[in-house]
Amino acid sequence: MKNSIKIVSWLSLAAMMIPVILFLIGGGIELNTVKTIMSICTIVWFVTASMWMWNSDANQA
């Protein structure tokens, strides 16, 4: 479970870069779409990263 949460958090970080790159090279993606995708990926990252980072800190104590 913890490994799958880590994978989702890293994939959400990677997914944040793809729309930005497409927008900058003129890949046919609009700025509002980039903002929406990045907002969703940010929320997913904060939720998943806090889950596995919070659990690892509790296990060390």
C-alpha atoms as a PDB file:
ATOM      1  CA  MET A   1       0.000   0.000   0.000  1.00  0.00           C
ATOM      2  CA  LYS A   2       2.750   2.416   0.956  1.00  0.00           C
ATOM      3  CA  ASN A   3       4.661   1.755  -2.261  1.00  0.00           C
ATOM      4  CA  SER A   4       1.585   2.341  -4.406  1.00  0.00           C
ATOM      5  CA  ILE A   5       0.980   5.668  -2.642  1.00  0.00           C
ATOM      6  CA  LYS A   6       4.587   6.653  -3.318  1.00  0.00           C
ATOM      7  CA  ILE A   7       4.194   5.770  -6.991  1.00  0.00           C
ATOM      8  CA  VAL A   8       1.033   7.861  -7.291  1.00  0.00           C
ATOM      9  CA  SER A   9       2.735  10.839  -5.639  1.00  0.00           C
ATOM     10  CA  TRP A  10       5.760  10.657  -7.939  1.00  0.00           C
ATOM     11  CA  LEU A  11       3.534  10.198 -11.009  1.00  0.00           C
ATOM     12  CA  SER A  12       1.509  13.259 -10.064  1.00  0.00           C
ATOM     13  CA  LEU A  13       4.714  15.295  -9.861  1.00  0.00           C
ATOM     14  CA  ALA A  14       5.777  14.033 -13.268  1.00  0.00           C
ATOM     15  CA  ALA A  15       2.313  14.724 -14.672  1.00  0.00           C
ATOM     16  CA  MET A  16       2.675  18.364 -13.630  1.00  0.00           C
ATOM     17  CA  MET A  17       5.561  18.852 -16.022  1.00  0.00           C
ATOM     18  CA  ILE A  18       3.930  17.433 -19.145  1.00  0.00           C
ATOM     19  CA  PRO A  19       1.250  20.130 -19.687  1.00  0.00           C
ATOM     20  CA  VAL A  20       3.753  22.903 -19.033  1.00  0.00           C
ATOM     21  CA  ILE A  21       6.160  21.532 -21.609  1.00  0.00           C
ATOM     22  CA  LEU A  22       3.353  21.083 -24.131  1.00  0.00           C
ATOM     23  CA  PHE A  23       2.187  24.636 -23.551  1.00  0.00           C
ATOM     24  CA  LEU A  24       5.675  26.105 -23.908  1.00  0.00           C
ATOM     25  CA  ILE A  25       6.454  24.300 -27.166  1.00  0.00           C
ATOM     26  CA  GLY A  26       3.049  25.165 -28.600  1.00  0.00           C
ATOM     27  CA  GLY A  27       1.603  21.692 -28.371  1.00  0.00           C
ATOM     28  CA  GLY A  28      -1.987  22.852 -28.732  1.00  0.00           C
ATOM     29  CA  ILE A  29      -2.866  23.014 -25.043  1.00  0.00           C
ATOM     30  CA  GLU A  30      -4.470  26.127 -23.588  1.00  0.00           C
ATOM     31  CA  LEU A  31      -3.316  27.921 -20.451  1.00  0.00           C
ATOM     32  CA  ASN A  32      -6.570  27.259 -18.596  1.00  0.00           C
ATOM     33  CA  THR A  33      -6.176  23.539 -19.254  1.00  0.00           C
ATOM     34  CA  VAL A  34      -2.607  23.660 -17.950  1.00  0.00           C
ATOM     35  CA  LYS A  35      -3.778  25.412 -14.788  1.00  0.00           C
ATOM     36  CA  THR A  36      -6.526  22.856 -14.213  1.00  0.00           C
ATOM     37  CA  ILE A  37      -4.256  19.860 -14.702  1.00  0.00           C
ATOM     38  CA  MET A  38      -1.569  21.329 -12.475  1.00  0.00           C
ATOM     39  CA  SER A  39      -4.086  22.129  -9.737  1.00  0.00           C
ATOM     40  CA  ILE A  40      -5.422  18.577  -9.762  1.00  0.00           C
ATOM     41  CA  CYS A  41      -1.919  17.097  -9.749  1.00  0.00           C
ATOM     42  CA  THR A  42      -0.893  19.369  -6.879  1.00  0.00           C
ATOM     43  CA  ILE A  43      -3.839  18.266  -4.763  1.00  0.00           C
ATOM     44  CA  VAL A  44      -3.139  14.606  -5.533  1.00  0.00           C
ATOM     45  CA  TRP A  45       0.523  15.069  -4.647  1.00  0.00           C
ATOM     46  CA  PHE A  46      -0.181  16.800  -1.335  1.00  0.00           C
ATOM     47  CA  VAL A  47      -2.642  14.106  -0.291  1.00  0.00           C
ATOM     48  CA  THR A  48      -0.517  11.127  -1.293  1.00  0.00           C
ATOM     49  CA  ALA A  49       2.851  12.521  -0.216  1.00  0.00           C
ATOM     50  CA  SER A  50       1.540  13.465   3.203  1.00  0.00           C
ATOM     51  CA  MET A  51       0.153   9.940   3.618  1.00  0.00           C
ATOM     52  CA  TRP A  52       3.433   8.115   3.075  1.00  0.00           C
ATOM     53  CA  MET A  53       5.695  10.750   4.614  1.00  0.00           C
ATOM     54  CA  TRP A  54       3.537  11.068   7.715  1.00  0.00           C
ATOM     55  CA  ASN A  55       3.492   7.305   8.218  1.00  0.00           C
ATOM     56  CA  SER A  56       7.266   6.992   7.850  1.00  0.00           C
ATOM     57  CA  ASP A  57       7.854   9.661  10.517  1.00  0.00           C
ATOM     58  CA  ALA A  58       5.530   7.885  12.953  1.00  0.00           C
ATOM     59  CA  ASN A  59       7.344   4.594  12.406  1.00  0.00           C
ATOM     60  CA  GLN A  60      10.747   6.113  13.196  1.00  0.00           C
ATOM     61  CA  ALA A  61       9.696   7.540  16.585  1.00  0.00           C
END
